[in-house]
Full PDB file with SEQRES, HELIX, SHEET, SSBOND, CRYST1, ORIGX, SCALE, CONECT and MASTER records, all heavy atoms in Angstrom:
SEQRES   1 A   39  SER ILE TYR LEU ILE GLY GLY ARG SER ILE PRO GLU GLU          
SEQRES   2 A   39  ASP GLY GLY LYS LEU TYR ASN THR CYS THR VAL PHE GLY          
SEQRES   3 A   39  PRO ASP GLY ALA MET LEU ALA LYS HIS ARG LYS VAL HIS          
SHEET    1 AA1 3 LEU A   4  ILE A   5  0                                        
SHEET    2 AA1 3 LYS A  17  PHE A  25 -1                                        
SHEET    3 AA1 3 ILE A  10  ASP A  14 -1                                        
SHEET    1 AA2 2 LYS A  17  PHE A  25  0                                        
SHEET    2 AA2 2 MET A  31  ARG A  36 -1                                        
CRYST1    1.000    1.000    1.000  90.00  90.00  90.00 P 1           1          
ORIGX1      1.000000  0.000000  0.000000        0.00000                         
ORIGX2      0.000000  1.000000  0.000000        0.00000                         
ORIGX3      0.000000  0.000000  1.000000        0.00000                         
SCALE1      1.000000  0.000000  0.000000        0.00000                         
SCALE2      0.000000  1.000000  0.000000        0.00000                         
SCALE3      0.000000  0.000000  1.000000        0.00000                         
ATOM      1  N   SER A   1       0.821  -1.207   0.000  1.00  0.00           N  
ATOM      2  CA  SER A   1       0.000   0.000   0.000  1.00  0.00           C  
ATOM      3  C   SER A   1       0.859   1.263   0.000  1.00  0.00           C  
ATOM      4  O   SER A   1       0.720   2.144   0.843  1.00  0.00           O  
ATOM      5  CB  SER A   1      -0.954   0.006   1.210  1.00  0.00           C  
ATOM      6  OG  SER A   1      -1.916   1.029   1.075  1.00  0.00           O  
ATOM      7  N   ILE A   2       1.755   1.336  -1.001  1.00  0.00           N  
ATOM      8  CA  ILE A   2       2.681   2.466  -1.117  1.00  0.00           C  
ATOM      9  C   ILE A   2       2.650   3.011  -2.541  1.00  0.00           C  
ATOM     10  O   ILE A   2       2.079   2.409  -3.452  1.00  0.00           O  
ATOM     11  CB  ILE A   2       4.125   2.044  -0.784  1.00  0.00           C  
ATOM     12  CG1 ILE A   2       4.560   0.895  -1.735  1.00  0.00           C  
ATOM     13  CG2 ILE A   2       4.278   1.662   0.683  1.00  0.00           C  
ATOM     14  CD1 ILE A   2       6.035   0.602  -1.694  1.00  0.00           C  
ATOM     15  N   TYR A   3       3.306   4.151  -2.710  1.00  0.00           N  
ATOM     16  CA  TYR A   3       3.605   4.678  -4.038  1.00  0.00           C  
ATOM     17  C   TYR A   3       5.010   4.219  -4.388  1.00  0.00           C  
ATOM     18  O   TYR A   3       5.960   4.496  -3.651  1.00  0.00           O  
ATOM     19  CB  TYR A   3       3.499   6.204  -4.049  1.00  0.00           C  
ATOM     20  CG  TYR A   3       2.078   6.678  -3.902  1.00  0.00           C  
ATOM     21  CD1 TYR A   3       1.523   6.853  -2.637  1.00  0.00           C  
ATOM     22  CD2 TYR A   3       1.277   6.917  -5.010  1.00  0.00           C  
ATOM     23  CE1 TYR A   3       0.204   7.256  -2.483  1.00  0.00           C  
ATOM     24  CE2 TYR A   3      -0.050   7.325  -4.871  1.00  0.00           C  
ATOM     25  CZ  TYR A   3      -0.570   7.491  -3.604  1.00  0.00           C  
ATOM     26  OH  TYR A   3      -1.874   7.883  -3.453  1.00  0.00           O  
ATOM     27  N   LEU A   4       5.155   3.513  -5.503  1.00  0.00           N  
ATOM     28  CA  LEU A   4       6.426   2.901  -5.874  1.00  0.00           C  
ATOM     29  C   LEU A   4       6.900   3.450  -7.213  1.00  0.00           C  
ATOM     30  O   LEU A   4       6.235   3.292  -8.234  1.00  0.00           O  
ATOM     31  CB  LEU A   4       6.277   1.378  -5.945  1.00  0.00           C  
ATOM     32  CG  LEU A   4       7.517   0.581  -6.370  1.00  0.00           C  
ATOM     33  CD1 LEU A   4       8.690   0.850  -5.433  1.00  0.00           C  
ATOM     34  CD2 LEU A   4       7.198  -0.910  -6.418  1.00  0.00           C  
ATOM     35  N   ILE A   5       8.085   4.087  -7.190  1.00  0.00           N  
ATOM     36  CA  ILE A   5       8.714   4.600  -8.407  1.00  0.00           C  
ATOM     37  C   ILE A   5       9.721   3.556  -8.854  1.00  0.00           C  
ATOM     38  O   ILE A   5      10.677   3.257  -8.132  1.00  0.00           O  
ATOM     39  CB  ILE A   5       9.406   5.958  -8.168  1.00  0.00           C  
ATOM     40  CG1 ILE A   5       8.354   7.016  -7.815  1.00  0.00           C  
ATOM     41  CG2 ILE A   5      10.174   6.404  -9.402  1.00  0.00           C  
ATOM     42  CD1 ILE A   5       8.148   7.215  -6.345  1.00  0.00           C  
ATOM     43  N   GLY A   6       9.499   2.983 -10.018  1.00  0.00           N  
ATOM     44  CA  GLY A   6      10.257   1.820 -10.446  1.00  0.00           C  
ATOM     45  C   GLY A   6      11.546   2.098 -11.157  1.00  0.00           C  
ATOM     46  O   GLY A   6      11.933   1.352 -12.058  1.00  0.00           O  
ATOM     47  N   GLY A   7      12.228   3.173 -10.821  1.00  0.00           N  
ATOM     48  CA  GLY A   7      13.512   3.451 -11.435  1.00  0.00           C  
ATOM     49  C   GLY A   7      13.399   3.419 -12.940  1.00  0.00           C  
ATOM     50  O   GLY A   7      12.365   3.724 -13.502  1.00  0.00           O  
ATOM     51  N   ARG A   8      14.477   3.079 -13.615  1.00  0.00           N  
ATOM     52  CA  ARG A   8      14.296   2.700 -15.003  1.00  0.00           C  
ATOM     53  C   ARG A   8      14.024   1.217 -14.926  1.00  0.00           C  
ATOM     54  O   ARG A   8      14.930   0.384 -15.071  1.00  0.00           O  
ATOM     55  CB  ARG A   8      15.516   2.972 -15.864  1.00  0.00           C  
ATOM     56  CG  ARG A   8      15.158   2.665 -17.335  1.00  0.00           C  
ATOM     57  CD  ARG A   8      16.325   2.450 -18.167  1.00  0.00           C  
ATOM     58  NE  ARG A   8      16.992   1.219 -17.718  1.00  0.00           N  
ATOM     59  CZ  ARG A   8      17.916   0.625 -18.433  1.00  0.00           C  
ATOM     60  NH1 ARG A   8      18.291   1.115 -19.574  1.00  0.00           N  
ATOM     61  NH2 ARG A   8      18.483  -0.469 -17.991  1.00  0.00           N  
ATOM     62  N   SER A   9      12.776   0.904 -14.616  1.00  0.00           N  
ATOM     63  CA  SER A   9      12.450  -0.474 -14.291  1.00  0.00           C  
ATOM     64  C   SER A   9      12.943  -1.408 -15.368  1.00  0.00           C  
ATOM     65  O   SER A   9      13.423  -2.493 -15.100  1.00  0.00           O  
ATOM     66  CB  SER A   9      10.943  -0.638 -14.101  1.00  0.00           C  
ATOM     67  OG  SER A   9      10.242  -0.330 -15.278  1.00  0.00           O  
ATOM     68  N   ILE A  10      12.808  -0.999 -16.611  1.00  0.00           N  
ATOM     69  CA  ILE A  10      13.224  -1.864 -17.709  1.00  0.00           C  
ATOM     70  C   ILE A  10      13.587  -1.013 -18.913  1.00  0.00           C  
ATOM     71  O   ILE A  10      13.117   0.113 -19.049  1.00  0.00           O  
ATOM     72  CB  ILE A  10      12.096  -2.836 -18.135  1.00  0.00           C  
ATOM     73  CG1 ILE A  10      10.865  -2.048 -18.583  1.00  0.00           C  
ATOM     74  CG2 ILE A  10      11.755  -3.809 -17.051  1.00  0.00           C  
ATOM     75  CD1 ILE A  10       9.786  -2.887 -19.205  1.00  0.00           C  
ATOM     76  N   PRO A  11      14.432  -1.546 -19.795  1.00  0.00           N  
ATOM     77  CA  PRO A  11      14.450  -0.992 -21.144  1.00  0.00           C  
ATOM     78  C   PRO A  11      13.108  -1.392 -21.774  1.00  0.00           C  
ATOM     79  O   PRO A  11      12.815  -2.581 -21.878  1.00  0.00           O  
ATOM     80  CB  PRO A  11      15.623  -1.709 -21.824  1.00  0.00           C  
ATOM     81  CG  PRO A  11      16.407  -2.347 -20.714  1.00  0.00           C  
ATOM     82  CD  PRO A  11      15.410  -2.631 -19.630  1.00  0.00           C  
ATOM     83  N   GLU A  12      12.312  -0.424 -22.141  1.00  0.00           N  
ATOM     84  CA  GLU A  12      10.967  -0.710 -22.650  1.00  0.00           C  
ATOM     85  C   GLU A  12      10.992  -0.878 -24.165  1.00  0.00           C  
ATOM     86  O   GLU A  12      11.550  -0.042 -24.885  1.00  0.00           O  
ATOM     87  CB  GLU A  12      10.015   0.430 -22.293  1.00  0.00           C  
ATOM     88  CG  GLU A  12       8.599   0.211 -22.805  1.00  0.00           C  
ATOM     89  CD  GLU A  12       7.772   1.475 -22.830  1.00  0.00           C  
ATOM     90  OE1 GLU A  12       8.297   2.552 -22.509  1.00  0.00           O  
ATOM     91  OE2 GLU A  12       6.576   1.374 -23.191  1.00  0.00           O  
ATOM     92  N   GLU A  13      10.349  -1.944 -24.651  1.00  0.00           N  
ATOM     93  CA  GLU A  13      10.196  -2.149 -26.087  1.00  0.00           C  
ATOM     94  C   GLU A  13       8.773  -1.790 -26.478  1.00  0.00           C  
ATOM     95  O   GLU A  13       7.812  -2.253 -25.876  1.00  0.00           O  
ATOM     96  CB  GLU A  13      10.496  -3.607 -26.452  1.00  0.00           C  
ATOM     97  CG  GLU A  13      10.608  -3.857 -27.960  1.00  0.00           C  
ATOM     98  CD  GLU A  13       9.267  -3.982 -28.667  1.00  0.00           C  
ATOM     99  OE1 GLU A  13       8.357  -4.611 -28.085  1.00  0.00           O  
ATOM    100  OE2 GLU A  13       9.119  -3.443 -29.779  1.00  0.00           O  
ATOM    101  N   ASP A  14       8.648  -0.926 -27.482  1.00  0.00           N  
ATOM    102  CA  ASP A  14       7.323  -0.515 -27.936  1.00  0.00           C  
ATOM    103  C   ASP A  14       7.418  -0.117 -29.400  1.00  0.00           C  
ATOM    104  O   ASP A  14       8.175   0.795 -29.747  1.00  0.00           O  
ATOM    105  CB  ASP A  14       6.812   0.658 -27.097  1.00  0.00           C  
ATOM    106  CG  ASP A  14       5.385   1.055 -27.475  1.00  0.00           C  
ATOM    107  OD1 ASP A  14       4.620   0.194 -27.938  1.00  0.00           O  
ATOM    108  OD2 ASP A  14       5.048   2.243 -27.307  1.00  0.00           O  
ATOM    109  N   GLY A  15       6.681  -0.805 -30.241  1.00  0.00           N  
ATOM    110  CA  GLY A  15       6.640  -0.469 -31.661  1.00  0.00           C  
ATOM    111  C   GLY A  15       7.985  -0.567 -32.349  1.00  0.00           C  
ATOM    112  O   GLY A  15       8.273   0.215 -33.266  1.00  0.00           O  
ATOM    113  N   GLY A  16       8.811  -1.493 -31.920  1.00  0.00           N  
ATOM    114  CA  GLY A  16      10.120  -1.661 -32.536  1.00  0.00           C  
ATOM    115  C   GLY A  16      11.184  -0.721 -32.011  1.00  0.00           C  
ATOM    116  O   GLY A  16      12.332  -0.772 -32.463  1.00  0.00           O  
ATOM    117  N   LYS A  17      10.832   0.139 -31.068  1.00  0.00           N  
ATOM    118  CA  LYS A  17      11.789   1.066 -30.474  1.00  0.00           C  
ATOM    119  C   LYS A  17      12.032   0.702 -29.011  1.00  0.00           C  
ATOM    120  O   LYS A  17      11.192   0.078 -28.366  1.00  0.00           O  
ATOM    121  CB  LYS A  17      11.283   2.503 -30.565  1.00  0.00           C  
ATOM    122  CG  LYS A  17      11.179   3.048 -31.982  1.00  0.00           C  
ATOM    123  CD  LYS A  17      10.721   4.500 -31.972  1.00  0.00           C  
ATOM    124  CE  LYS A  17      10.667   5.070 -33.392  1.00  0.00           C  
ATOM    125  NZ  LYS A  17      10.228   6.499 -33.382  1.00  0.00           N  
ATOM    126  N   LEU A  18      13.186   1.112 -28.494  1.00  0.00           N  
ATOM    127  CA  LEU A  18      13.525   0.906 -27.091  1.00  0.00           C  
ATOM    128  C   LEU A  18      13.577   2.253 -26.372  1.00  0.00           C  
ATOM    129  O   LEU A  18      14.071   3.246 -26.924  1.00  0.00           O  
ATOM    130  CB  LEU A  18      14.887   0.208 -26.955  1.00  0.00           C  
ATOM    131  CG  LEU A  18      15.019  -1.192 -27.555  1.00  0.00           C  
ATOM    132  CD1 LEU A  18      16.431  -1.708 -27.360  1.00  0.00           C  
ATOM    133  CD2 LEU A  18      14.012  -2.148 -26.932  1.00  0.00           C  
ATOM    134  N   TYR A  19      13.053   2.276 -25.149  1.00  0.00           N  
ATOM    135  CA  TYR A  19      13.037   3.488 -24.340  1.00  0.00           C  
ATOM    136  C   TYR A  19      13.607   3.185 -22.947  1.00  0.00           C  
ATOM    137  O   TYR A  19      13.509   2.068 -22.446  1.00  0.00           O  
ATOM    138  CB  TYR A  19      11.603   4.018 -24.175  1.00  0.00           C  
ATOM    139  CG  TYR A  19      10.921   4.365 -25.472  1.00  0.00           C  
ATOM    140  CD1 TYR A  19      10.149   3.419 -26.141  1.00  0.00           C  
ATOM    141  CD2 TYR A  19      11.042   5.640 -26.026  1.00  0.00           C  
ATOM    142  CE1 TYR A  19       9.521   3.734 -27.338  1.00  0.00           C  
ATOM    143  CE2 TYR A  19      10.415   5.955 -27.224  1.00  0.00           C  
ATOM    144  CZ  TYR A  19       9.650   4.991 -27.875  1.00  0.00           C  
ATOM    145  OH  TYR A  19       9.037   5.315 -29.059  1.00  0.00           O  
ATOM    146  N   ASN A  20      14.185   4.196 -22.348  1.00  0.00           N  
ATOM    147  CA  ASN A  20      14.623   4.137 -20.949  1.00  0.00           C  
ATOM    148  C   ASN A  20      13.440   4.634 -20.126  1.00  0.00           C  
ATOM    149  O   ASN A  20      13.147   5.836 -20.100  1.00  0.00           O  
ATOM    150  CB  ASN A  20      15.846   5.044 -20.776  1.00  0.00           C  
ATOM    151  CG  ASN A  20      16.443   4.984 -19.388  1.00  0.00           C  
ATOM    152  OD1 ASN A  20      15.763   4.690 -18.419  1.00  0.00           O  
ATOM    153  ND2 ASN A  20      17.722   5.312 -19.289  1.00  0.00           N  
ATOM    154  N   THR A  21      12.734   3.722 -19.461  1.00  0.00           N  
ATOM    155  CA  THR A  21      11.406   4.024 -18.939  1.00  0.00           C  
ATOM    156  C   THR A  21      11.286   3.794 -17.440  1.00  0.00           C  
ATOM    157  O   THR A  21      11.738   2.775 -16.924  1.00  0.00           O  
ATOM    158  CB  THR A  21      10.342   3.167 -19.667  1.00  0.00           C  
ATOM    159  OG1 THR A  21      10.423   3.432 -21.075  1.00  0.00           O  
ATOM    160  CG2 THR A  21       8.949   3.477 -19.176  1.00  0.00           C  
ATOM    161  N   CYS A  22      10.653   4.744 -16.765  1.00  0.00           N  
ATOM    162  CA  CYS A  22      10.363   4.649 -15.334  1.00  0.00           C  
ATOM    163  C   CYS A  22       8.852   4.573 -15.153  1.00  0.00           C  
ATOM    164  O   CYS A  22       8.107   5.400 -15.688  1.00  0.00           O  
ATOM    165  CB  CYS A  22      10.912   5.884 -14.620  1.00  0.00           C  
ATOM    166  SG  CYS A  22      10.445   6.022 -12.890  1.00  0.00           S  
ATOM    167  N   THR A  23       8.398   3.571 -14.400  1.00  0.00           N  
ATOM    168  CA  THR A  23       6.968   3.428 -14.124  1.00  0.00           C  
ATOM    169  C   THR A  23       6.678   3.737 -12.660  1.00  0.00           C  
ATOM    170  O   THR A  23       7.526   3.555 -11.792  1.00  0.00           O  
ATOM    171  CB  THR A  23       6.497   1.998 -14.438  1.00  0.00           C  
ATOM    172  OG1 THR A  23       7.352   1.068 -13.764  1.00  0.00           O  
ATOM    173  CG2 THR A  23       6.546   1.720 -15.928  1.00  0.00           C  
ATOM    174  N   VAL A  24       5.459   4.196 -12.398  1.00  0.00           N  
ATOM    175  CA  VAL A  24       5.023   4.515 -11.034  1.00  0.00           C  
ATOM    176  C   VAL A  24       3.720   3.782 -10.756  1.00  0.00           C  
ATOM    177  O   VAL A  24       2.792   3.818 -11.581  1.00  0.00           O  
ATOM    178  CB  VAL A  24       4.795   6.026 -10.852  1.00  0.00           C  
ATOM    179  CG1 VAL A  24       4.332   6.331  -9.431  1.00  0.00           C  
ATOM    180  CG2 VAL A  24       6.063   6.814 -11.171  1.00  0.00           C  
ATOM    181  N   PHE A  25       3.660   3.128  -9.603  1.00  0.00           N  
ATOM    182  CA  PHE A  25       2.453   2.386  -9.211  1.00  0.00           C  
ATOM    183  C   PHE A  25       1.932   2.910  -7.882  1.00  0.00           C  
ATOM    184  O   PHE A  25       2.701   3.253  -6.979  1.00  0.00           O  
ATOM    185  CB  PHE A  25       2.766   0.891  -9.107  1.00  0.00           C  
ATOM    186  CG  PHE A  25       3.134   0.280 -10.427  1.00  0.00           C  
ATOM    187  CD1 PHE A  25       4.457   0.211 -10.822  1.00  0.00           C  
ATOM    188  CD2 PHE A  25       2.158  -0.178 -11.289  1.00  0.00           C  
ATOM    189  CE1 PHE A  25       4.807  -0.319 -12.052  1.00  0.00           C  
ATOM    190  CE2 PHE A  25       2.490  -0.706 -12.532  1.00  0.00           C  
ATOM    191  CZ  PHE A  25       3.822  -0.780 -12.911  1.00  0.00           C  
ATOM    192  N   GLY A  26       0.591   2.974  -7.785  1.00  0.00           N  
ATOM    193  CA  GLY A  26      -0.052   3.457  -6.573  1.00  0.00           C  
ATOM    194  C   GLY A  26      -0.361   2.340  -5.604  1.00  0.00           C  
ATOM    195  O   GLY A  26      -0.137   1.158  -5.887  1.00  0.00           O  
ATOM    196  N   PRO A  27      -0.920   2.693  -4.443  1.00  0.00           N  
ATOM    197  CA  PRO A  27      -1.215   1.700  -3.398  1.00  0.00           C  
ATOM    198  C   PRO A  27      -2.212   0.618  -3.821  1.00  0.00           C  
ATOM    199  O   PRO A  27      -2.286  -0.423  -3.175  1.00  0.00           O  
ATOM    200  CB  PRO A  27      -1.791   2.554  -2.268  1.00  0.00           C  
ATOM    201  CG  PRO A  27      -1.280   3.928  -2.505  1.00  0.00           C  
ATOM    202  CD  PRO A  27      -1.189   4.068  -3.994  1.00  0.00           C  
ATOM    203  N   ASP A  28      -2.963   0.868  -4.895  1.00  0.00           N  
ATOM    204  CA  ASP A  28      -3.886  -0.159  -5.394  1.00  0.00           C  
ATOM    205  C   ASP A  28      -3.271  -0.996  -6.505  1.00  0.00           C  
ATOM    206  O   ASP A  28      -3.929  -1.856  -7.086  1.00  0.00           O  
ATOM    207  CB  ASP A  28      -5.182   0.481  -5.883  1.00  0.00           C  
ATOM    208  CG  ASP A  28      -4.968   1.459  -7.029  1.00  0.00           C  
ATOM    209  OD1 ASP A  28      -3.787   1.720  -7.395  1.00  0.00           O  
ATOM    210  OD2 ASP A  28      -5.969   1.972  -7.566  1.00  0.00           O  
ATOM    211  N   GLY A  29      -1.997  -0.735  -6.818  1.00  0.00           N  
ATOM    212  CA  GLY A  29      -1.310  -1.474  -7.864  1.00  0.00           C  
ATOM    213  C   GLY A  29      -1.482  -0.909  -9.260  1.00  0.00           C  
ATOM    214  O   GLY A  29      -0.876  -1.420 -10.217  1.00  0.00           O  
ATOM    215  N   ALA A  30      -2.281   0.143  -9.410  1.00  0.00           N  
ATOM    216  CA  ALA A  30      -2.492   0.736 -10.728  1.00  0.00           C  
ATOM    217  C   ALA A  30      -1.281   1.582 -11.140  1.00  0.00           C  
ATOM    218  O   ALA A  30      -0.653   2.228 -10.302  1.00  0.00           O  
ATOM    219  CB  ALA A  30      -3.743   1.606 -10.727  1.00  0.00           C  
ATOM    220  N   MET A  31      -0.961   1.578 -12.436  1.00  0.00           N  
ATOM    221  CA  MET A  31       0.137   2.406 -12.937  1.00  0.00           C  
ATOM    222  C   MET A  31      -0.329   3.851 -13.060  1.00  0.00           C  
ATOM    223  O   MET A  31      -1.296   4.153 -13.751  1.00  0.00           O  
ATOM    224  CB  MET A  31       0.648   1.896 -14.284  1.00  0.00           C  
ATOM    225  CG  MET A  31       1.912   2.609 -14.740  1.00  0.00           C  
ATOM    226  SD  MET A  31       2.753   1.776 -16.130  1.00  0.00           S  
ATOM    227  CE  MET A  31       1.564   2.087 -17.440  1.00  0.00           C  
ATOM    228  N   LEU A  32       0.374   4.753 -12.382  1.00  0.00           N  
ATOM    229  CA  LEU A  32       0.001   6.164 -12.339  1.00  0.00           C  
ATOM    230  C   LEU A  32       0.764   7.004 -13.357  1.00  0.00           C  
ATOM    231  O   LEU A  32       0.288   8.061 -13.764  1.00  0.00           O  
ATOM    232  CB  LEU A  32       0.254   6.727 -10.937  1.00  0.00           C  
ATOM    233  CG  LEU A  32      -0.470   6.039  -9.780  1.00  0.00           C  
ATOM    234  CD1 LEU A  32      -0.078   6.705  -8.461  1.00  0.00           C  
ATOM    235  CD2 LEU A  32      -1.969   6.085  -9.981  1.00  0.00           C  
ATOM    236  N   ALA A  33       1.961   6.560 -13.709  1.00  0.00           N  
ATOM    237  CA  ALA A  33       2.778   7.338 -14.644  1.00  0.00           C  
ATOM    238  C   ALA A  33       3.785   6.419 -15.306  1.00  0.00           C  
ATOM    239  O   ALA A  33       4.170   5.378 -14.761  1.00  0.00           O  
ATOM    240  CB  ALA A  33       3.509   8.463 -13.910  1.00  0.00           C  
ATOM    241  N   LYS A  34       4.188   6.814 -16.515  1.00  0.00           N  
ATOM    242  CA  LYS A  34       5.240   6.110 -17.239  1.00  0.00           C  
ATOM    243  C   LYS A  34       6.114   7.161 -17.900  1.00  0.00           C  
ATOM    244  O   LYS A  34       5.692   7.803 -18.855  1.00  0.00           O  
ATOM    245  CB  LYS A  34       4.640   5.156 -18.280  1.00  0.00           C  
ATOM    246  CG  LYS A  34       5.687   4.332 -19.018  1.00  0.00           C  
ATOM    247  CD  LYS A  34       5.057   3.329 -19.979  1.00  0.00           C  
ATOM    248  CE  LYS A  34       4.539   3.972 -21.229  1.00  0.00           C  
ATOM    249  NZ  LYS A  34       4.157   2.969 -22.258  1.00  0.00           N  
ATOM    250  N   HIS A  35       7.316   7.340 -17.364  1.00  0.00           N  
ATOM    251  CA  HIS A  35       8.206   8.378 -17.886  1.00  0.00           C  
ATOM    252  C   HIS A  35       9.293   7.763 -18.752  1.00  0.00           C  
ATOM    253  O   HIS A  35      10.067   6.925 -18.301  1.00  0.00           O  
ATOM    254  CB  HIS A  35       8.862   9.165 -16.743  1.00  0.00           C  
ATOM    255  CG  HIS A  35       9.784  10.250 -17.241  1.00  0.00           C  
ATOM    256  ND1 HIS A  35       9.311  11.401 -17.837  1.00  0.00           N  
ATOM    257  CD2 HIS A  35      11.144  10.340 -17.266  1.00  0.00           C  
ATOM    258  CE1 HIS A  35      10.329  12.164 -18.191  1.00  0.00           C  
ATOM    259  NE2 HIS A  35      11.456  11.542 -17.864  1.00  0.00           N  
ATOM    260  N   ARG A  36       9.328   8.189 -20.003  1.00  0.00           N  
ATOM    261  CA  ARG A  36      10.404   7.806 -20.903  1.00  0.00           C  
ATOM    262  C   ARG A  36      11.464   8.905 -20.887  1.00  0.00           C  
ATOM    263  O   ARG A  36      11.135  10.067 -21.112  1.00  0.00           O  
ATOM    264  CB  ARG A  36       9.859   7.601 -22.314  1.00  0.00           C  
ATOM    265  CG  ARG A  36       8.969   6.363 -22.447  1.00  0.00           C  
ATOM    266  CD  ARG A  36       8.282   6.317 -23.802  1.00  0.00           C  
ATOM    267  NE  ARG A  36       7.627   5.006 -24.019  1.00  0.00           N  
ATOM    268  CZ  ARG A  36       6.820   4.747 -25.037  1.00  0.00           C  
ATOM    269  NH1 ARG A  36       6.559   5.701 -25.937  1.00  0.00           N  
ATOM    270  NH2 ARG A  36       6.268   3.556 -25.161  1.00  0.00           N  
ATOM    271  N   LYS A  37      12.693   8.508 -20.629  1.00  0.00           N  
ATOM    272  CA  LYS A  37      13.796   9.470 -20.521  1.00  0.00           C  
ATOM    273  C   LYS A  37      13.802  10.413 -21.723  1.00  0.00           C  
ATOM    274  O   LYS A  37      13.851   9.984 -22.875  1.00  0.00           O  
ATOM    275  CB  LYS A  37      15.118   8.704 -20.436  1.00  0.00           C  
ATOM    276  CG  LYS A  37      16.337   9.554 -20.109  1.00  0.00           C  
ATOM    277  CD  LYS A  37      17.537   8.622 -19.916  1.00  0.00           C  
ATOM    278  CE  LYS A  37      18.754   9.359 -19.400  1.00  0.00           C  
ATOM    279  NZ  LYS A  37      19.875   8.405 -19.158  1.00  0.00           N  
ATOM    280  N   VAL A  38      13.739  11.709 -21.436  1.00  0.00           N  
ATOM    281  CA  VAL A  38      13.590  12.719 -22.477  1.00  0.00           C  
ATOM    282  C   VAL A  38      14.933  13.047 -23.129  1.00  0.00           C  
ATOM    283  O   VAL A  38      15.037  13.197 -24.354  1.00  0.00           O  
ATOM    284  CB  VAL A  38      12.941  13.990 -21.891  1.00  0.00           C  
ATOM    285  CG1 VAL A  38      12.964  15.136 -22.892  1.00  0.00           C  
ATOM    286  CG2 VAL A  38      11.509  13.691 -21.444  1.00  0.00           C  
ATOM    287  N   HIS A  39      15.969  13.173 -22.314  1.00  0.00           N  
ATOM    288  CA  HIS A  39      17.295  13.571 -22.791  1.00  0.00           C  
ATOM    289  C   HIS A  39      18.216  12.351 -22.758  1.00  0.00           C  
ATOM    290  O   HIS A  39      18.507  11.821 -21.686  1.00  0.00           O  
ATOM    291  CB  HIS A  39      17.866  14.684 -21.923  1.00  0.00           C  
ATOM    292  CG  HIS A  39      16.974  15.882 -21.812  1.00  0.00           C  
ATOM    293  ND1 HIS A  39      16.065  16.033 -20.780  1.00  0.00           N  
ATOM    294  CD2 HIS A  39      16.833  16.959 -22.617  1.00  0.00           C  
ATOM    295  CE1 HIS A  39      15.419  17.176 -20.949  1.00  0.00           C  
ATOM    296  NE2 HIS A  39      15.862  17.747 -22.055  1.00  0.00           N  
TER     297      HIS A  39                                                      
MASTER        0    0    0    0    5    0    0    6  296    1    0    3          
END                                                                             
């Protein structure tokens, strides 16, 4: 029952591209945000 920031949890694969991605999950387990490294 916490807010969890998943670091760069994984190299994310999407549509043939790879992203450096951080996911955030809320106390109910739902994903609240997905940040792809901008720079």
